[in-house]
N, C-alpha and C. Protein backbone atom coordinates (compact mmCIF):
# COMPACT_ATOMS: atom_id res chain seq x y z
N MET A 1 -30.56 -74.16 77.67
CA MET A 1 -30.49 -73.17 78.99
C MET A 1 -31.87 -72.77 79.42
N LYS A 2 -32.01 -72.73 80.68
CA LYS A 2 -33.31 -72.41 81.25
C LYS A 2 -33.56 -70.91 81.19
N THR A 3 -34.83 -70.53 81.04
CA THR A 3 -35.10 -69.16 81.05
C THR A 3 -35.14 -68.66 82.37
N ASP A 4 -35.03 -67.43 82.77
CA ASP A 4 -35.02 -66.95 84.20
C ASP A 4 -36.35 -67.23 84.79
N ALA A 5 -37.43 -67.23 84.09
CA ALA A 5 -38.74 -67.62 84.65
C ALA A 5 -38.79 -69.00 85.03
N LEU A 6 -38.28 -69.99 84.32
CA LEU A 6 -38.23 -71.32 84.71
C LEU A 6 -37.36 -71.54 85.76
N LEU A 7 -36.13 -70.85 85.80
CA LEU A 7 -35.19 -71.06 86.92
C LEU A 7 -35.81 -70.45 88.21
N LYS A 8 -36.46 -69.45 88.13
CA LYS A 8 -37.17 -68.94 89.31
C LYS A 8 -38.13 -69.83 89.93
N ALA A 9 -38.87 -70.61 88.96
CA ALA A 9 -39.91 -71.56 89.42
C ALA A 9 -39.21 -72.70 90.04
N ASP A 10 -38.08 -73.20 89.47
CA ASP A 10 -37.39 -74.28 90.11
C ASP A 10 -36.71 -74.08 91.46
N VAL A 11 -36.29 -72.72 91.69
CA VAL A 11 -35.79 -72.30 92.92
C VAL A 11 -36.76 -72.24 93.99
N THR A 12 -37.98 -71.74 93.53
CA THR A 12 -39.12 -71.60 94.53
C THR A 12 -39.50 -73.04 94.88
N SER A 13 -39.58 -74.00 93.99
CA SER A 13 -39.94 -75.39 94.31
C SER A 13 -38.97 -76.05 95.09
N GLU A 14 -37.69 -75.89 94.87
CA GLU A 14 -36.66 -76.46 95.68
C GLU A 14 -36.76 -75.93 97.26
N LEU A 15 -36.99 -74.67 97.40
CA LEU A 15 -37.14 -74.07 98.75
C LEU A 15 -38.28 -74.59 99.57
N ALA A 16 -39.48 -74.86 98.72
CA ALA A 16 -40.56 -75.36 99.40
C ALA A 16 -40.41 -76.80 99.70
N TRP A 17 -39.65 -77.53 98.97
CA TRP A 17 -39.40 -79.00 99.16
C TRP A 17 -38.54 -79.25 100.36
N ASP A 18 -37.51 -78.31 100.60
CA ASP A 18 -36.60 -78.62 101.72
C ASP A 18 -37.13 -78.24 103.08
N PRO A 19 -37.22 -79.30 103.89
CA PRO A 19 -37.76 -78.92 105.17
C PRO A 19 -36.87 -78.03 106.07
N SER A 20 -35.62 -78.09 105.87
CA SER A 20 -34.73 -77.25 106.74
C SER A 20 -34.85 -75.68 106.27
N VAL A 21 -35.56 -75.47 105.22
CA VAL A 21 -35.79 -73.98 104.98
C VAL A 21 -36.88 -73.54 105.69
N GLY A 22 -37.91 -74.29 105.98
CA GLY A 22 -39.01 -73.87 106.74
C GLY A 22 -39.97 -73.00 105.91
N GLU A 23 -40.76 -72.12 106.51
CA GLU A 23 -41.71 -71.25 105.76
C GLU A 23 -40.99 -70.31 104.82
N ARG A 24 -41.32 -70.20 103.61
CA ARG A 24 -40.60 -69.38 102.65
C ARG A 24 -41.12 -67.92 102.71
N ALA A 25 -42.21 -67.63 103.51
CA ALA A 25 -42.71 -66.18 103.59
C ALA A 25 -41.53 -65.34 104.07
N GLY A 26 -41.46 -64.26 103.53
CA GLY A 26 -40.43 -63.21 103.68
C GLY A 26 -39.11 -63.33 103.03
N ILE A 27 -39.06 -64.40 102.05
CA ILE A 27 -37.91 -64.51 101.22
C ILE A 27 -38.24 -64.16 99.86
N GLY A 28 -37.56 -63.14 99.29
CA GLY A 28 -37.77 -62.74 97.91
C GLY A 28 -36.84 -63.32 97.01
N ILE A 29 -37.14 -63.71 95.82
CA ILE A 29 -36.34 -64.32 94.77
C ILE A 29 -36.45 -63.62 93.50
N ALA A 30 -35.38 -63.21 92.98
CA ALA A 30 -35.25 -62.65 91.73
C ALA A 30 -34.22 -63.28 90.82
N VAL A 31 -34.36 -63.44 89.57
CA VAL A 31 -33.54 -64.09 88.72
C VAL A 31 -33.18 -63.24 87.43
N ARG A 32 -31.93 -62.97 87.19
CA ARG A 32 -31.51 -62.30 86.02
C ARG A 32 -30.42 -63.00 85.43
N ASP A 33 -30.40 -63.45 84.05
CA ASP A 33 -29.27 -63.95 83.51
C ASP A 33 -28.67 -65.26 84.21
N GLY A 34 -29.54 -65.98 84.94
CA GLY A 34 -29.09 -67.11 85.61
C GLY A 34 -28.53 -66.87 87.09
N VAL A 35 -28.50 -65.58 87.44
CA VAL A 35 -28.02 -65.24 88.85
C VAL A 35 -29.23 -64.98 89.75
N VAL A 36 -29.34 -65.78 90.85
CA VAL A 36 -30.43 -65.70 91.74
C VAL A 36 -29.92 -64.86 92.93
N THR A 37 -30.97 -63.69 93.10
CA THR A 37 -30.86 -62.85 94.23
C THR A 37 -31.96 -63.16 95.27
N LEU A 38 -31.41 -63.37 96.41
CA LEU A 38 -32.24 -63.69 97.51
C LEU A 38 -32.40 -62.43 98.48
N SER A 39 -33.54 -62.15 98.92
CA SER A 39 -33.62 -60.87 99.81
C SER A 39 -34.78 -61.18 100.86
N GLY A 40 -34.77 -60.31 101.89
CA GLY A 40 -35.88 -60.44 102.92
C GLY A 40 -35.22 -60.78 104.20
N GLN A 41 -35.94 -61.52 105.12
CA GLN A 41 -35.55 -61.74 106.42
C GLN A 41 -35.83 -63.24 106.75
N VAL A 42 -35.02 -63.71 107.63
CA VAL A 42 -35.00 -65.20 108.15
C VAL A 42 -34.83 -65.05 109.68
N ASP A 43 -35.30 -65.94 110.41
CA ASP A 43 -35.33 -65.90 111.81
C ASP A 43 -34.06 -66.63 112.51
N ASN A 44 -33.16 -67.27 111.69
CA ASN A 44 -31.90 -67.64 112.30
C ASN A 44 -30.96 -67.94 111.29
N TYR A 45 -29.55 -68.00 111.62
CA TYR A 45 -28.57 -68.16 110.67
C TYR A 45 -28.56 -69.51 109.95
N MET A 46 -29.01 -70.58 110.60
CA MET A 46 -29.11 -71.87 109.95
C MET A 46 -29.96 -71.96 108.86
N ARG A 47 -31.13 -71.22 108.98
CA ARG A 47 -32.21 -71.15 108.05
C ARG A 47 -31.67 -70.38 106.78
N LYS A 48 -30.93 -69.25 106.96
CA LYS A 48 -30.21 -68.59 106.00
C LYS A 48 -29.31 -69.48 105.18
N TYR A 49 -28.56 -70.25 105.86
CA TYR A 49 -27.66 -71.21 105.27
C TYR A 49 -28.30 -72.27 104.43
N ALA A 50 -29.40 -72.66 105.02
CA ALA A 50 -30.17 -73.87 104.28
C ALA A 50 -30.81 -73.18 103.00
N VAL A 51 -31.18 -72.04 103.06
CA VAL A 51 -31.75 -71.34 101.73
C VAL A 51 -30.70 -71.30 100.81
N GLU A 52 -29.52 -70.84 101.00
CA GLU A 52 -28.40 -70.75 100.02
C GLU A 52 -28.08 -72.00 99.56
N ARG A 53 -27.95 -73.00 100.54
CA ARG A 53 -27.71 -74.41 100.04
C ARG A 53 -28.61 -74.95 99.02
N ALA A 54 -29.90 -74.76 99.25
CA ALA A 54 -30.98 -75.16 98.47
C ALA A 54 -30.82 -74.62 97.02
N VAL A 55 -30.70 -73.44 97.00
CA VAL A 55 -30.43 -72.71 95.69
C VAL A 55 -29.44 -73.18 94.93
N ARG A 56 -28.20 -73.49 95.59
CA ARG A 56 -27.11 -74.10 94.85
C ARG A 56 -27.20 -75.45 94.30
N ARG A 57 -28.31 -76.23 94.73
CA ARG A 57 -28.60 -77.49 94.19
C ARG A 57 -29.29 -77.31 92.81
N VAL A 58 -29.84 -76.20 92.59
CA VAL A 58 -30.87 -76.24 91.45
C VAL A 58 -29.93 -76.06 90.09
N SER A 59 -30.28 -76.92 89.22
CA SER A 59 -29.57 -77.02 87.90
C SER A 59 -29.88 -75.57 87.20
N GLY A 60 -28.90 -75.02 86.62
CA GLY A 60 -28.97 -73.83 85.87
C GLY A 60 -28.57 -72.57 86.47
N VAL A 61 -28.36 -72.48 87.86
CA VAL A 61 -28.05 -71.38 88.59
C VAL A 61 -26.49 -71.08 88.29
N ARG A 62 -26.33 -69.91 87.80
CA ARG A 62 -24.91 -69.33 87.55
C ARG A 62 -24.36 -68.69 88.59
N GLY A 63 -25.11 -68.08 89.55
CA GLY A 63 -24.45 -67.29 90.61
C GLY A 63 -25.61 -67.01 91.67
N ILE A 64 -25.24 -66.64 92.77
CA ILE A 64 -26.13 -66.43 93.86
C ILE A 64 -25.71 -65.03 94.60
N ALA A 65 -26.69 -64.09 94.76
CA ALA A 65 -26.45 -62.99 95.54
C ALA A 65 -27.36 -62.98 96.74
N VAL A 66 -26.73 -62.95 97.87
CA VAL A 66 -27.52 -63.02 99.19
C VAL A 66 -27.75 -61.77 99.96
N ASP A 67 -28.86 -61.37 100.07
CA ASP A 67 -29.13 -60.14 100.77
C ASP A 67 -30.42 -60.42 101.85
N LEU A 68 -30.06 -61.60 102.48
CA LEU A 68 -31.01 -62.09 103.50
C LEU A 68 -30.46 -61.45 104.90
N GLU A 69 -31.41 -60.97 105.73
CA GLU A 69 -30.97 -60.40 107.03
C GLU A 69 -31.49 -61.39 108.00
N VAL A 70 -30.69 -61.72 109.06
CA VAL A 70 -31.06 -62.57 110.11
C VAL A 70 -31.62 -61.72 111.11
N LEU A 71 -33.01 -61.88 111.47
CA LEU A 71 -33.60 -61.13 112.38
C LEU A 71 -34.18 -62.05 113.58
N LEU A 72 -33.49 -62.07 114.55
CA LEU A 72 -33.82 -63.10 115.71
C LEU A 72 -35.06 -62.74 116.43
N ALA A 73 -35.82 -63.66 116.69
CA ALA A 73 -37.04 -63.45 117.60
C ALA A 73 -36.52 -63.04 118.94
N ASP A 74 -37.36 -62.39 119.85
CA ASP A 74 -36.96 -61.99 121.03
C ASP A 74 -36.40 -63.21 121.96
N GLY A 75 -37.09 -64.22 121.91
CA GLY A 75 -36.74 -65.49 122.68
C GLY A 75 -35.56 -66.06 122.21
N ALA A 76 -34.96 -65.79 121.00
CA ALA A 76 -33.82 -66.52 120.44
C ALA A 76 -32.51 -65.66 120.76
N LYS A 77 -32.71 -64.47 121.20
CA LYS A 77 -31.49 -63.65 121.40
C LYS A 77 -30.60 -64.17 122.54
N THR A 78 -29.33 -64.15 122.25
CA THR A 78 -28.32 -64.70 123.20
C THR A 78 -27.21 -63.69 123.43
N SER A 79 -26.60 -63.57 124.61
CA SER A 79 -25.43 -62.82 124.79
C SER A 79 -24.21 -63.27 123.99
N ASP A 80 -23.51 -62.34 123.55
CA ASP A 80 -22.20 -62.73 122.80
C ASP A 80 -21.39 -63.66 123.82
N THR A 81 -21.29 -63.51 125.00
CA THR A 81 -20.60 -64.27 125.97
C THR A 81 -21.02 -65.78 125.81
N ASP A 82 -22.41 -65.85 125.95
CA ASP A 82 -22.90 -67.22 125.88
C ASP A 82 -22.76 -67.84 124.49
N ILE A 83 -22.77 -67.10 123.43
CA ILE A 83 -22.55 -67.62 122.11
C ILE A 83 -21.06 -68.13 122.06
N ALA A 84 -20.15 -67.38 122.51
CA ALA A 84 -18.65 -67.75 122.50
C ALA A 84 -18.42 -68.94 123.42
N GLN A 85 -19.09 -69.01 124.51
CA GLN A 85 -18.99 -70.16 125.32
C GLN A 85 -19.43 -71.59 124.65
N ALA A 86 -20.71 -71.33 124.11
CA ALA A 86 -21.31 -72.38 123.30
C ALA A 86 -20.49 -72.95 122.15
N ALA A 87 -19.79 -71.94 121.48
CA ALA A 87 -19.02 -72.32 120.43
C ALA A 87 -17.78 -72.99 120.83
N LEU A 88 -17.11 -72.67 121.86
CA LEU A 88 -15.96 -73.42 122.43
C LEU A 88 -16.38 -74.63 122.80
N SER A 89 -17.52 -74.93 123.43
CA SER A 89 -17.82 -76.24 123.91
C SER A 89 -18.23 -77.16 122.70
N ALA A 90 -18.89 -76.58 121.64
CA ALA A 90 -19.20 -77.38 120.48
C ALA A 90 -17.93 -77.88 119.78
N MET A 91 -16.95 -77.04 119.72
CA MET A 91 -15.73 -77.32 118.90
C MET A 91 -14.84 -78.30 119.86
N HIS A 92 -15.07 -78.15 121.14
CA HIS A 92 -14.22 -79.16 121.99
C HIS A 92 -14.82 -80.57 121.83
N TRP A 93 -16.05 -80.70 121.58
CA TRP A 93 -16.66 -82.06 121.49
C TRP A 93 -16.70 -82.54 119.96
N HIS A 94 -16.22 -81.76 118.94
CA HIS A 94 -16.06 -82.16 117.63
C HIS A 94 -14.74 -82.79 117.44
N SER A 95 -14.64 -84.08 117.09
CA SER A 95 -13.46 -84.66 117.07
C SER A 95 -12.48 -84.27 115.97
N ALA A 96 -13.04 -83.57 114.88
CA ALA A 96 -12.21 -83.14 113.76
C ALA A 96 -11.70 -81.74 113.86
N VAL A 97 -12.02 -81.11 114.92
CA VAL A 97 -11.65 -79.58 115.17
C VAL A 97 -10.63 -79.42 116.25
N PRO A 98 -9.42 -79.07 116.01
CA PRO A 98 -8.40 -78.83 117.06
C PRO A 98 -8.65 -77.49 117.73
N ASP A 99 -9.60 -77.64 118.79
CA ASP A 99 -10.14 -76.34 119.25
C ASP A 99 -9.07 -75.56 120.05
N ASP A 100 -7.96 -76.18 120.31
CA ASP A 100 -6.79 -75.22 120.99
C ASP A 100 -6.21 -74.36 119.99
N ARG A 101 -6.42 -74.41 118.69
CA ARG A 101 -5.97 -73.59 117.66
C ARG A 101 -6.98 -72.68 116.96
N VAL A 102 -8.05 -72.68 117.45
CA VAL A 102 -8.99 -71.81 116.86
C VAL A 102 -9.42 -70.81 117.94
N ARG A 103 -9.58 -69.53 117.58
CA ARG A 103 -10.04 -68.41 118.38
C ARG A 103 -11.43 -67.90 117.89
N ILE A 104 -12.21 -67.45 118.92
CA ILE A 104 -13.59 -67.09 118.65
C ILE A 104 -13.68 -65.61 119.01
N GLU A 105 -14.38 -64.79 118.19
CA GLU A 105 -14.81 -63.51 118.59
C GLU A 105 -16.16 -63.32 118.16
N VAL A 106 -17.05 -62.66 119.21
CA VAL A 106 -18.56 -62.45 118.80
C VAL A 106 -18.71 -60.95 119.08
N ASP A 107 -19.48 -60.31 118.04
CA ASP A 107 -19.76 -58.98 118.16
C ASP A 107 -21.26 -58.94 117.68
N ASP A 108 -22.18 -58.75 118.61
CA ASP A 108 -23.67 -58.54 118.29
C ASP A 108 -24.11 -59.81 117.50
N GLY A 109 -23.72 -61.08 117.91
CA GLY A 109 -24.17 -62.12 117.21
C GLY A 109 -23.30 -62.69 116.02
N HIS A 110 -22.40 -61.79 115.59
CA HIS A 110 -21.67 -62.20 114.41
C HIS A 110 -20.23 -62.78 114.91
N VAL A 111 -20.13 -64.01 114.54
CA VAL A 111 -18.87 -64.68 114.92
C VAL A 111 -17.82 -64.74 113.98
N THR A 112 -16.67 -64.46 114.45
CA THR A 112 -15.43 -64.55 113.59
C THR A 112 -14.44 -65.56 114.14
N LEU A 113 -14.04 -66.49 113.25
CA LEU A 113 -13.11 -67.57 113.65
C LEU A 113 -11.91 -67.19 113.06
N THR A 114 -10.73 -67.38 113.92
CA THR A 114 -9.35 -67.16 113.49
C THR A 114 -8.55 -68.25 113.91
N GLY A 115 -7.28 -68.41 113.52
CA GLY A 115 -6.36 -69.41 114.07
C GLY A 115 -5.79 -70.16 112.80
N GLU A 116 -5.06 -71.24 113.13
CA GLU A 116 -4.40 -71.93 112.08
C GLU A 116 -4.52 -73.50 112.27
N VAL A 117 -4.94 -74.21 111.22
CA VAL A 117 -5.21 -75.58 111.24
C VAL A 117 -4.42 -76.29 110.17
N ASP A 118 -4.44 -77.59 110.10
CA ASP A 118 -3.67 -78.43 109.05
C ASP A 118 -4.45 -78.60 107.79
N TRP A 119 -5.68 -78.74 108.09
CA TRP A 119 -6.51 -79.18 106.77
C TRP A 119 -7.73 -78.39 106.75
N ALA A 120 -8.37 -78.32 105.39
CA ALA A 120 -9.54 -77.62 105.10
C ALA A 120 -10.82 -78.27 105.77
N TYR A 121 -10.73 -79.45 105.97
CA TYR A 121 -11.99 -80.05 106.69
C TYR A 121 -12.06 -79.64 108.20
N GLN A 122 -10.89 -79.35 108.74
CA GLN A 122 -10.93 -78.85 110.17
C GLN A 122 -11.42 -77.42 110.17
N MET A 123 -10.98 -76.59 109.18
CA MET A 123 -11.51 -75.19 108.98
C MET A 123 -13.09 -75.29 108.81
N ALA A 124 -13.56 -76.16 107.98
CA ALA A 124 -15.05 -76.21 107.69
C ALA A 124 -15.73 -76.77 108.97
N GLY A 125 -14.96 -77.69 109.69
CA GLY A 125 -15.67 -78.22 110.89
C GLY A 125 -15.97 -77.23 111.96
N ALA A 126 -14.91 -76.25 112.12
CA ALA A 126 -15.21 -75.22 113.17
C ALA A 126 -16.42 -74.37 112.76
N GLU A 127 -16.38 -74.11 111.59
CA GLU A 127 -17.58 -73.21 111.07
C GLU A 127 -18.97 -74.04 111.35
N GLN A 128 -18.93 -75.46 110.94
CA GLN A 128 -20.15 -76.20 111.32
C GLN A 128 -20.58 -76.19 112.71
N CYS A 129 -19.55 -76.16 113.60
CA CYS A 129 -20.01 -76.03 115.01
C CYS A 129 -20.69 -74.85 115.38
N VAL A 130 -20.34 -73.67 114.75
CA VAL A 130 -21.00 -72.41 115.16
C VAL A 130 -22.23 -72.10 114.55
N ARG A 131 -22.37 -72.61 113.36
CA ARG A 131 -23.50 -72.21 112.39
C ARG A 131 -24.91 -72.40 113.09
N PRO A 132 -25.16 -73.54 113.75
CA PRO A 132 -26.47 -73.73 114.30
C PRO A 132 -26.67 -73.30 115.67
N LEU A 133 -25.76 -72.50 116.29
CA LEU A 133 -25.97 -72.05 117.68
C LEU A 133 -26.97 -70.98 117.76
N ARG A 134 -27.78 -71.06 118.83
CA ARG A 134 -28.83 -70.03 119.08
C ARG A 134 -28.14 -68.66 119.24
N GLY A 135 -28.76 -67.69 118.57
CA GLY A 135 -28.31 -66.27 118.67
C GLY A 135 -27.29 -65.86 117.58
N VAL A 136 -26.80 -66.84 116.79
CA VAL A 136 -25.81 -66.48 115.79
C VAL A 136 -26.46 -65.89 114.63
N LYS A 137 -25.96 -64.74 114.20
CA LYS A 137 -26.50 -63.93 113.12
C LYS A 137 -25.66 -64.04 111.85
N GLY A 138 -24.36 -64.38 112.02
CA GLY A 138 -23.46 -64.48 110.83
C GLY A 138 -22.17 -65.15 111.30
N VAL A 139 -21.41 -65.77 110.33
CA VAL A 139 -20.21 -66.39 110.61
C VAL A 139 -19.12 -65.81 109.55
N THR A 140 -18.03 -65.47 109.98
CA THR A 140 -16.94 -65.09 109.19
C THR A 140 -15.73 -66.12 109.60
N ASN A 141 -15.30 -66.98 108.59
CA ASN A 141 -14.26 -67.82 108.89
C ASN A 141 -12.91 -67.42 108.25
N ASN A 142 -12.13 -66.85 109.25
CA ASN A 142 -10.81 -66.35 108.84
C ASN A 142 -9.68 -67.33 109.20
N ILE A 143 -9.95 -68.69 109.57
CA ILE A 143 -8.97 -69.56 109.91
C ILE A 143 -8.03 -69.95 108.68
N ARG A 144 -6.79 -69.86 109.08
CA ARG A 144 -5.81 -70.25 108.05
C ARG A 144 -5.34 -71.71 108.05
N ILE A 145 -4.98 -72.19 106.94
CA ILE A 145 -4.49 -73.47 106.78
C ILE A 145 -2.90 -73.53 106.58
N ARG A 146 -2.39 -74.38 107.46
CA ARG A 146 -0.88 -74.36 107.53
C ARG A 146 -0.29 -75.14 106.23
N PRO A 147 0.57 -74.51 105.43
CA PRO A 147 1.14 -75.22 104.30
C PRO A 147 2.07 -76.26 104.72
N HIS A 148 1.98 -77.41 103.99
CA HIS A 148 2.90 -78.61 104.32
C HIS A 148 3.00 -79.49 103.07
N ALA A 149 3.12 -78.92 101.95
CA ALA A 149 3.34 -79.90 100.77
C ALA A 149 4.00 -78.97 99.59
N ASN A 150 4.75 -79.54 98.71
CA ASN A 150 5.34 -78.78 97.68
C ASN A 150 4.40 -78.61 96.46
N VAL A 151 4.63 -77.72 95.55
CA VAL A 151 3.84 -77.30 94.53
C VAL A 151 3.43 -78.39 93.58
N ALA A 152 4.37 -79.12 93.26
CA ALA A 152 4.10 -80.21 92.24
C ALA A 152 3.22 -81.30 92.84
N ASP A 153 3.30 -81.63 94.21
CA ASP A 153 2.46 -82.57 94.80
C ASP A 153 1.01 -82.02 94.84
N ILE A 154 0.92 -80.75 95.03
CA ILE A 154 -0.55 -80.22 95.15
C ILE A 154 -1.23 -80.24 93.79
N ALA A 155 -0.60 -79.77 92.81
CA ALA A 155 -1.11 -79.75 91.40
C ALA A 155 -1.43 -81.11 91.01
N THR A 156 -0.49 -82.23 91.10
CA THR A 156 -0.68 -83.52 90.77
C THR A 156 -1.85 -84.12 91.57
N GLY A 157 -1.93 -83.90 92.73
CA GLY A 157 -3.04 -84.34 93.57
C GLY A 157 -4.33 -83.92 93.15
N ILE A 158 -4.50 -82.57 92.87
CA ILE A 158 -5.75 -82.10 92.48
C ILE A 158 -6.21 -82.68 91.13
N SER A 159 -5.20 -82.57 90.24
CA SER A 159 -5.53 -83.31 88.80
C SER A 159 -6.09 -84.71 88.93
N SER A 160 -5.41 -85.40 89.69
CA SER A 160 -5.77 -86.93 89.75
C SER A 160 -7.14 -87.08 90.49
N ALA A 161 -7.41 -86.19 91.37
CA ALA A 161 -8.70 -86.28 92.16
C ALA A 161 -9.77 -85.96 91.35
N LEU A 162 -9.60 -84.92 90.41
CA LEU A 162 -10.70 -84.57 89.55
C LEU A 162 -10.93 -85.71 88.56
N THR A 163 -9.93 -86.38 88.05
CA THR A 163 -10.07 -87.46 87.19
C THR A 163 -10.73 -88.68 87.87
N ARG A 164 -10.32 -88.92 89.06
CA ARG A 164 -10.84 -90.09 89.79
C ARG A 164 -12.38 -89.88 90.23
N HIS A 165 -12.82 -88.62 90.43
CA HIS A 165 -14.28 -88.41 90.60
C HIS A 165 -15.04 -88.31 89.42
N ALA A 166 -14.41 -88.57 88.26
CA ALA A 166 -15.10 -88.51 86.97
C ALA A 166 -15.82 -87.22 86.60
N GLN A 167 -15.26 -86.17 87.12
CA GLN A 167 -15.94 -84.92 86.88
C GLN A 167 -15.63 -84.41 85.57
N ARG A 168 -16.76 -84.06 84.82
CA ARG A 168 -16.62 -83.89 83.35
C ARG A 168 -15.84 -82.78 83.07
N GLU A 169 -15.65 -81.75 84.13
CA GLU A 169 -14.94 -80.50 83.86
C GLU A 169 -13.43 -80.65 84.03
N ALA A 170 -12.96 -81.89 84.49
CA ALA A 170 -11.60 -82.00 84.75
C ALA A 170 -10.68 -81.50 83.64
N ARG A 171 -11.01 -81.92 82.28
CA ARG A 171 -10.12 -81.70 81.26
C ARG A 171 -10.13 -80.28 80.84
N ASN A 172 -11.24 -79.44 81.29
CA ASN A 172 -11.23 -78.10 80.98
C ASN A 172 -10.73 -77.14 82.07
N ILE A 173 -10.25 -77.61 83.05
CA ILE A 173 -9.70 -76.77 84.22
C ILE A 173 -8.18 -76.82 84.27
N SER A 174 -7.68 -75.57 84.25
CA SER A 174 -6.20 -75.46 84.35
C SER A 174 -5.98 -75.15 86.04
N ILE A 175 -4.80 -75.78 86.46
CA ILE A 175 -4.46 -75.62 87.96
C ILE A 175 -3.19 -74.98 88.03
N GLN A 176 -3.16 -73.74 88.74
CA GLN A 176 -1.97 -73.01 88.94
C GLN A 176 -1.66 -72.93 90.51
N VAL A 177 -0.58 -73.31 90.86
CA VAL A 177 -0.13 -73.38 92.27
C VAL A 177 0.86 -72.42 92.62
N ASP A 178 0.75 -71.54 93.67
CA ASP A 178 1.76 -70.71 94.05
C ASP A 178 1.90 -70.86 95.50
N GLY A 179 2.98 -71.59 95.99
CA GLY A 179 2.91 -71.80 97.39
C GLY A 179 1.86 -72.78 97.87
N GLY A 180 0.94 -72.32 98.74
CA GLY A 180 -0.23 -73.15 99.02
C GLY A 180 -1.56 -72.58 98.39
N VAL A 181 -1.39 -71.50 97.50
CA VAL A 181 -2.54 -70.93 96.88
C VAL A 181 -2.70 -71.52 95.50
N VAL A 182 -4.02 -72.08 95.32
CA VAL A 182 -4.37 -72.69 94.03
C VAL A 182 -5.42 -71.90 93.32
N THR A 183 -5.11 -71.66 92.09
CA THR A 183 -6.00 -70.92 91.24
C THR A 183 -6.55 -71.78 90.11
N LEU A 184 -7.85 -71.78 89.99
CA LEU A 184 -8.50 -72.84 89.10
C LEU A 184 -9.11 -71.93 88.01
N ARG A 185 -8.81 -72.29 86.82
CA ARG A 185 -9.38 -71.49 85.62
C ARG A 185 -9.93 -72.39 84.61
N GLY A 186 -10.79 -71.96 83.89
CA GLY A 186 -11.51 -72.82 82.72
C GLY A 186 -12.96 -72.50 82.77
N LYS A 187 -13.76 -73.55 82.07
CA LYS A 187 -15.13 -73.33 82.02
C LYS A 187 -15.76 -74.73 82.49
N VAL A 188 -16.78 -74.53 83.24
CA VAL A 188 -17.63 -75.62 83.65
C VAL A 188 -19.11 -75.44 83.33
N ASP A 189 -19.92 -76.42 83.38
CA ASP A 189 -21.28 -76.38 82.90
C ASP A 189 -22.37 -75.74 83.99
N SER A 190 -21.85 -75.82 85.22
CA SER A 190 -22.98 -75.52 86.22
C SER A 190 -22.28 -74.99 87.51
N LEU A 191 -22.97 -74.32 88.39
CA LEU A 191 -22.40 -73.80 89.69
C LEU A 191 -22.11 -75.02 90.48
N ARG A 192 -22.95 -76.03 90.38
CA ARG A 192 -22.53 -77.34 91.24
C ARG A 192 -21.26 -77.92 90.76
N GLU A 193 -20.89 -77.97 89.50
CA GLU A 193 -19.76 -78.55 88.97
C GLU A 193 -18.53 -77.55 89.43
N ARG A 194 -18.73 -76.30 89.38
CA ARG A 194 -17.75 -75.36 89.87
C ARG A 194 -17.37 -75.63 91.43
N GLU A 195 -18.33 -75.71 92.20
CA GLU A 195 -18.16 -75.92 93.60
C GLU A 195 -17.54 -77.20 93.91
N ALA A 196 -17.90 -78.18 92.99
CA ALA A 196 -17.32 -79.59 93.19
C ALA A 196 -15.85 -79.51 92.93
N ALA A 197 -15.38 -78.72 92.03
CA ALA A 197 -14.05 -78.57 91.56
C ALA A 197 -13.24 -77.94 92.74
N VAL A 198 -13.83 -76.74 93.24
CA VAL A 198 -13.27 -76.12 94.24
C VAL A 198 -13.09 -76.94 95.48
N GLY A 199 -14.18 -77.63 95.89
CA GLY A 199 -14.06 -78.52 96.95
C GLY A 199 -12.92 -79.57 96.84
N THR A 200 -12.72 -80.16 95.68
CA THR A 200 -11.74 -81.11 95.44
C THR A 200 -10.30 -80.40 95.62
N ALA A 201 -10.18 -79.12 95.17
CA ALA A 201 -8.88 -78.41 95.33
C ALA A 201 -8.64 -78.17 96.80
N TRP A 202 -9.69 -77.82 97.60
CA TRP A 202 -9.53 -77.63 99.03
C TRP A 202 -9.07 -78.90 99.73
N SER A 203 -9.38 -80.06 99.25
CA SER A 203 -9.00 -81.24 99.90
C SER A 203 -7.68 -81.75 99.80
N ALA A 204 -6.90 -81.02 98.88
CA ALA A 204 -5.43 -81.39 98.60
C ALA A 204 -4.66 -81.07 99.67
N LYS A 205 -3.70 -81.90 100.10
CA LYS A 205 -2.78 -81.59 101.17
C LYS A 205 -1.86 -80.42 100.83
N GLY A 206 -1.88 -79.44 101.78
CA GLY A 206 -1.02 -78.27 101.52
C GLY A 206 -1.71 -77.04 101.04
N VAL A 207 -2.94 -77.24 100.69
CA VAL A 207 -3.64 -76.07 100.12
C VAL A 207 -4.14 -75.07 101.14
N THR A 208 -3.73 -73.86 101.08
CA THR A 208 -4.00 -72.76 102.04
C THR A 208 -5.08 -71.87 101.64
N ARG A 209 -5.29 -71.80 100.18
CA ARG A 209 -6.40 -70.94 99.73
C ARG A 209 -6.74 -71.33 98.33
N VAL A 210 -7.91 -71.24 98.04
CA VAL A 210 -8.30 -71.55 96.58
C VAL A 210 -8.96 -70.30 96.03
N VAL A 211 -8.36 -69.87 94.77
CA VAL A 211 -8.87 -68.81 94.04
C VAL A 211 -9.70 -69.28 92.90
N ASP A 212 -10.95 -69.03 92.81
CA ASP A 212 -11.91 -69.59 91.95
C ASP A 212 -12.09 -68.68 90.69
N GLU A 213 -11.64 -68.94 89.68
CA GLU A 213 -11.61 -68.21 88.45
C GLU A 213 -12.36 -69.03 87.39
N LEU A 214 -12.97 -69.89 87.83
CA LEU A 214 -13.84 -70.75 86.77
C LEU A 214 -14.99 -69.98 86.30
N GLU A 215 -15.35 -70.14 85.07
CA GLU A 215 -16.45 -69.67 84.44
C GLU A 215 -17.69 -70.63 84.06
N ILE A 216 -18.74 -70.32 84.37
CA ILE A 216 -20.02 -71.17 84.06
C ILE A 216 -20.41 -70.75 82.62
N GLY A 217 -20.57 -71.77 81.67
CA GLY A 217 -20.97 -71.49 80.32
C GLY A 217 -21.67 -72.75 79.75
N ALA A 218 -22.44 -72.49 78.81
CA ALA A 218 -23.14 -73.61 78.17
C ALA A 218 -22.17 -74.46 77.38
């Protein structure tokens, strides 16, 4: 297991290596017991997302606490109306997003998505449309997924997918399904493996929510 000092060094190197992160000045990094805390300010929401994504790639990270503030430069500030219109346009041109089923609310640059879609990738696609828009400070995705499969099909599908993907954690994960809500329990080796298992669960037909109760342990 990595020491906190080594993990911090690896996180620092990963942020410096990723061009989408940009200048790391203004981003504080603290590590305790494998949990990385990010603090400070960034100049746009996509950069904040890039920082989080980079940290998640680092081996040994057990958890992430994000306290990064998006502080827009004067030239990057955009009205809520313009953000909403840009978001609607972006979703309209995204072939995976049923834009007629997604509603957008913008409050001081913070975008909230609501509505109901058939698949998790459509829910994720809507957020991907909004994330890089100028003036966005944060995104809350409250889109629901319409249930359309029975419990047995969901559990079997997830279990089979984990095995197909040759994920080492498959045998250590229990899958409980209640309606369209999937709860994952068990132990995995890393944050990346946990997120892979959660992503696999979200891909199953009929899943409306995934409850992640997986533990990371050596």
